[in-house]
Amino acid sequence: MRVSVIGGGTITDDQAARAEAVGRELGARGHTVVCGGRGGTMEAVCRGAKAEGGTTIGILPGERREAANDYVDVPIATGMGHARNALVPLNGDAVIALAGSAGTLSEIGFAQIFERPVVGLGTHDVPGVRVVETPEAAVDAVEAADET
């Protein structure tokens, strides 16, 4: 399945380690990562997925595919700025939300509009987001949601 992973562009070392662990778990289980394609959470999750042989898609805010982080396999330039936040959850079968700010919150909202299951791991407290405690539990939860 395709799993959109959302989170901040500027994150702490602990948040980066968590995002990378999510990416590793997704890659090890054969899932494709969809993200915003830039730095922070997006780079860490892609790095983790690639370490396990996974595939990554980056939906970029700008017009240049070259702006993607080094771990994105398929960069998609949109030229849409923050409006591209709608496209990240739309292109996943489910969403894992990590720590972030307003952009992450907007992506959670779009995920719910598009009726994608959202699993939260250290993210915003939003109704409808299933909260889990570990990267493994996050991937378990999106896999279980895909089976329903």
C-alpha atoms as a PDB file:
ATOM      1  CA  MET A   1       0.000   0.000   0.000  1.00  0.00           C
ATOM      2  CA  ARG A   2       0.970   3.656  -0.261  1.00  0.00           C
ATOM      3  CA  VAL A   3       1.309   5.354   3.097  1.00  0.00           C
ATOM      4  CA  SER A   4       1.496   9.128   3.343  1.00  0.00           C
ATOM      5  CA  VAL A   5       3.771  10.251   6.169  1.00  0.00           C
ATOM      6  CA  ILE A   6       3.342  13.840   7.293  1.00  0.00           C
ATOM      7  CA  GLY A   7       5.255  15.943   9.790  1.00  0.00           C
ATOM      8  CA  GLY A   8       7.386  19.003  10.263  1.00  0.00           C
ATOM      9  CA  GLY A   9      10.041  20.330   7.945  1.00  0.00           C
ATOM     10  CA  THR A  10      12.127  21.391  10.945  1.00  0.00           C
ATOM     11  CA  ILE A  11      12.367  18.714  13.628  1.00  0.00           C
ATOM     12  CA  THR A  12      14.486  17.624  16.587  1.00  0.00           C
ATOM     13  CA  ASP A  13      16.966  14.761  16.512  1.00  0.00           C
ATOM     14  CA  ASP A  14      14.501  12.593  18.455  1.00  0.00           C
ATOM     15  CA  GLN A  15      11.722  13.382  15.993  1.00  0.00           C
ATOM     16  CA  ALA A  16      14.055  12.579  13.092  1.00  0.00           C
ATOM     17  CA  ALA A  17      14.924   9.223  14.655  1.00  0.00           C
ATOM     18  CA  ARG A  18      11.210   8.441  15.067  1.00  0.00           C
ATOM     19  CA  ALA A  19      10.461   9.415  11.456  1.00  0.00           C
ATOM     20  CA  GLU A  20      13.348   7.315  10.187  1.00  0.00           C
ATOM     21  CA  ALA A  21      12.090   4.350  12.213  1.00  0.00           C
ATOM     22  CA  VAL A  22       8.635   4.758  10.652  1.00  0.00           C
ATOM     23  CA  GLY A  23      10.247   4.795   7.213  1.00  0.00           C
ATOM     24  CA  ARG A  24      12.291   1.683   7.998  1.00  0.00           C
ATOM     25  CA  GLU A  25       9.190  -0.157   9.151  1.00  0.00           C
ATOM     26  CA  LEU A  26       7.237   0.852   6.051  1.00  0.00           C
ATOM     27  CA  GLY A  27      10.103  -0.083   3.735  1.00  0.00           C
ATOM     28  CA  ALA A  28      10.683  -3.429   5.452  1.00  0.00           C
ATOM     29  CA  ARG A  29       7.008  -4.298   5.011  1.00  0.00           C
ATOM     30  CA  GLY A  30       7.015  -3.385   1.325  1.00  0.00           C
ATOM     31  CA  HIS A  31       4.946  -0.209   1.488  1.00  0.00           C
ATOM     32  CA  THR A  32       5.558   2.901  -0.621  1.00  0.00           C
ATOM     33  CA  VAL A  33       6.115   6.160   1.270  1.00  0.00           C
ATOM     34  CA  VAL A  34       4.375   9.312   0.047  1.00  0.00           C
ATOM     35  CA  CYS A  35       5.514  12.593   1.584  1.00  0.00           C
ATOM     36  CA  GLY A  36       6.183  16.251   0.849  1.00  0.00           C
ATOM     37  CA  GLY A  37       9.640  15.406  -0.476  1.00  0.00           C
ATOM     38  CA  ARG A  38      11.699  18.044   1.330  1.00  0.00           C
ATOM     39  CA  GLY A  39      13.617  18.060   4.649  1.00  0.00           C
ATOM     40  CA  GLY A  40      12.866  17.252   8.267  1.00  0.00           C
ATOM     41  CA  THR A  41      10.294  14.483   8.718  1.00  0.00           C
ATOM     42  CA  MET A  42      10.101  13.979   4.964  1.00  0.00           C
ATOM     43  CA  GLU A  43      13.821  13.356   4.539  1.00  0.00           C
ATOM     44  CA  ALA A  44      14.063  11.155   7.636  1.00  0.00           C
ATOM     45  CA  VAL A  45      11.137   8.919   6.643  1.00  0.00           C
ATOM     46  CA  CYS A  46      12.497   8.563   3.112  1.00  0.00           C
ATOM     47  CA  ARG A  47      15.979   7.753   4.438  1.00  0.00           C
ATOM     48  CA  GLY A  48      14.508   5.019   6.615  1.00  0.00           C
ATOM     49  CA  ALA A  49      12.391   3.560   3.817  1.00  0.00           C
ATOM     50  CA  LYS A  50      15.335   3.518   1.391  1.00  0.00           C
ATOM     51  CA  ALA A  51      17.536   1.782   4.008  1.00  0.00           C
ATOM     52  CA  GLU A  52      15.061  -1.122   3.876  1.00  0.00           C
ATOM     53  CA  GLY A  53      14.692  -1.148   0.082  1.00  0.00           C
ATOM     54  CA  GLY A  54      11.442   0.809   0.026  1.00  0.00           C
ATOM     55  CA  THR A  55      10.118   3.188  -2.628  1.00  0.00           C
ATOM     56  CA  THR A  56       9.498   6.867  -1.929  1.00  0.00           C
ATOM     57  CA  ILE A  57       7.384   9.535  -3.613  1.00  0.00           C
ATOM     58  CA  GLY A  58       7.851  13.232  -2.860  1.00  0.00           C
ATOM     59  CA  ILE A  59       5.082  15.686  -3.727  1.00  0.00           C
ATOM     60  CA  LEU A  60       6.961  18.963  -3.831  1.00  0.00           C
ATOM     61  CA  PRO A  61       5.593  22.467  -3.284  1.00  0.00           C
ATOM     62  CA  GLY A  62       7.758  24.053  -5.972  1.00  0.00           C
ATOM     63  CA  GLU A  63       8.351  23.715  -9.677  1.00  0.00           C
ATOM     64  CA  ARG A  64      11.687  21.860  -9.518  1.00  0.00           C
ATOM     65  CA  ARG A  65      11.944  18.108  -9.073  1.00  0.00           C
ATOM     66  CA  GLU A  66      15.591  18.641  -8.119  1.00  0.00           C
ATOM     67  CA  ALA A  67      14.438  20.235  -4.853  1.00  0.00           C
ATOM     68  CA  ALA A  68      13.530  16.800  -3.476  1.00  0.00           C
ATOM     69  CA  ASN A  69      15.660  15.278  -0.755  1.00  0.00           C
ATOM     70  CA  ASP A  70      18.241  12.690  -1.800  1.00  0.00           C
ATOM     71  CA  TYR A  71      16.044   9.764  -0.703  1.00  0.00           C
ATOM     72  CA  VAL A  72      13.047  10.494  -2.960  1.00  0.00           C
ATOM     73  CA  ASP A  73      12.682   8.035  -5.852  1.00  0.00           C
ATOM     74  CA  VAL A  74       9.794   9.767  -7.605  1.00  0.00           C
ATOM     75  CA  PRO A  75       9.765  13.557  -7.198  1.00  0.00           C
ATOM     76  CA  ILE A  76       6.560  15.273  -8.312  1.00  0.00           C
ATOM     77  CA  ALA A  77       6.818  19.036  -8.791  1.00  0.00           C
ATOM     78  CA  THR A  78       3.514  20.831  -8.297  1.00  0.00           C
ATOM     79  CA  GLY A  79       4.264  24.563  -8.270  1.00  0.00           C
ATOM     80  CA  MET A  80       1.417  24.803  -5.748  1.00  0.00           C
ATOM     81  CA  GLY A  81       3.204  25.861  -2.559  1.00  0.00           C
ATOM     82  CA  HIS A  82       1.265  24.892   0.559  1.00  0.00           C
ATOM     83  CA  ALA A  83      -1.754  23.940  -1.565  1.00  0.00           C
ATOM     84  CA  ARG A  84       0.155  20.735  -2.351  1.00  0.00           C
ATOM     85  CA  ASN A  85      -0.680  19.674   1.226  1.00  0.00           C
ATOM     86  CA  ALA A  86      -3.957  18.337  -0.148  1.00  0.00           C
ATOM     87  CA  LEU A  87      -2.104  16.049  -2.556  1.00  0.00           C
ATOM     88  CA  VAL A  88       0.078  14.295   0.016  1.00  0.00           C
ATOM     89  CA  PRO A  89      -2.743  12.515   1.917  1.00  0.00           C
ATOM     90  CA  LEU A  90      -4.799  12.118  -1.261  1.00  0.00           C
ATOM     91  CA  ASN A  91      -2.063   9.934  -2.758  1.00  0.00           C
ATOM     92  CA  GLY A  92      -1.812   7.565   0.196  1.00  0.00           C
ATOM     93  CA  ASP A  93      -4.127   4.759   1.226  1.00  0.00           C
ATOM     94  CA  ALA A  94      -3.589   5.822   4.832  1.00  0.00           C
ATOM     95  CA  VAL A  95      -1.669   8.527   6.712  1.00  0.00           C
ATOM     96  CA  ILE A  96       0.844   8.445   9.546  1.00  0.00           C
ATOM     97  CA  ALA A  97       1.057  11.862  11.197  1.00  0.00           C
ATOM     98  CA  LEU A  98       4.205  12.756  13.137  1.00  0.00           C
ATOM     99  CA  ALA A  99       5.202  15.936  14.988  1.00  0.00           C
ATOM    100  CA  GLY A 100       4.689  19.116  13.007  1.00  0.00           C
ATOM    101  CA  SER A 101       2.947  22.454  12.973  1.00  0.00           C
ATOM    102  CA  ALA A 102       0.276  24.124  10.835  1.00  0.00           C
ATOM    103  CA  GLY A 103       1.215  22.338   7.590  1.00  0.00           C
ATOM    104  CA  THR A 104       0.928  18.945   9.282  1.00  0.00           C
ATOM    105  CA  LEU A 105      -2.379  19.957  10.807  1.00  0.00           C
ATOM    106  CA  SER A 106      -3.697  20.968   7.374  1.00  0.00           C
ATOM    107  CA  GLU A 107      -2.635  17.590   5.955  1.00  0.00           C
ATOM    108  CA  ILE A 108      -4.480  15.809   8.780  1.00  0.00           C
ATOM    109  CA  GLY A 109      -7.570  17.807   7.831  1.00  0.00           C
ATOM    110  CA  PHE A 110      -7.246  16.911   4.167  1.00  0.00           C
ATOM    111  CA  ALA A 111      -6.712  13.257   5.070  1.00  0.00           C
ATOM    112  CA  GLN A 112     -10.006  13.304   6.931  1.00  0.00           C
ATOM    113  CA  ILE A 113     -11.776  15.084   4.061  1.00  0.00           C
ATOM    114  CA  PHE A 114     -10.513  12.361   1.704  1.00  0.00           C
ATOM    115  CA  GLU A 115     -11.561   9.697   4.251  1.00  0.00           C
ATOM    116  CA  ARG A 116      -8.052   8.329   4.712  1.00  0.00           C
ATOM    117  CA  PRO A 117      -7.385   6.612   8.026  1.00  0.00           C
ATOM    118  CA  VAL A 118      -4.992   8.732  10.110  1.00  0.00           C
ATOM    119  CA  VAL A 119      -2.643   7.295  12.716  1.00  0.00           C
ATOM    120  CA  GLY A 120      -0.882   9.727  15.028  1.00  0.00           C
ATOM    121  CA  LEU A 121       2.539   9.204  16.577  1.00  0.00           C
ATOM    122  CA  GLY A 122       3.512  12.237  18.654  1.00  0.00           C
ATOM    123  CA  THR A 123       1.349  14.618  16.618  1.00  0.00           C
ATOM    124  CA  HIS A 124      -1.606  16.981  17.060  1.00  0.00           C
ATOM    125  CA  ASP A 125      -4.505  15.925  19.296  1.00  0.00           C
ATOM    126  CA  VAL A 126      -7.283  15.836  16.703  1.00  0.00           C
ATOM    127  CA  PRO A 127     -10.547  13.880  16.848  1.00  0.00           C
ATOM    128  CA  GLY A 128     -10.482  10.952  14.439  1.00  0.00           C
ATOM    129  CA  VAL A 129      -6.722  10.427  14.666  1.00  0.00           C
ATOM    130  CA  ARG A 130      -5.843   7.029  16.122  1.00  0.00           C
ATOM    131  CA  VAL A 131      -2.983   7.566  18.579  1.00  0.00           C
ATOM    132  CA  VAL A 132      -0.217   4.968  18.847  1.00  0.00           C
ATOM    133  CA  GLU A 133       3.050   4.848  20.767  1.00  0.00           C
ATOM    134  CA  THR A 134       5.614   3.250  18.428  1.00  0.00           C
ATOM    135  CA  PRO A 135       6.579   3.208  14.756  1.00  0.00           C
ATOM    136  CA  GLU A 136       5.685  -0.494  14.604  1.00  0.00           C
ATOM    137  CA  ALA A 137       2.236   0.199  16.052  1.00  0.00           C
ATOM    138  CA  ALA A 138       1.730   2.993  13.509  1.00  0.00           C
ATOM    139  CA  VAL A 139       2.385   0.667  10.591  1.00  0.00           C
ATOM    140  CA  ASP A 140       0.285  -2.082  12.184  1.00  0.00           C
ATOM    141  CA  ALA A 141      -2.598   0.411  12.477  1.00  0.00           C
ATOM    142  CA  VAL A 142      -2.462   1.581   8.848  1.00  0.00           C
ATOM    143  CA  GLU A 143      -2.258  -2.032   7.672  1.00  0.00           C
ATOM    144  CA  ALA A 144      -5.296  -2.932   9.792  1.00  0.00           C
ATOM    145  CA  ALA A 145      -7.204   0.086   8.453  1.00  0.00           C
ATOM    146  CA  ASP A 146      -6.435  -1.022   4.890  1.00  0.00           C
ATOM    147  CA  GLU A 147      -8.046  -4.399   5.591  1.00  0.00           C
ATOM    148  CA  THR A 148     -11.404  -2.863   6.563  1.00  0.00           C
END
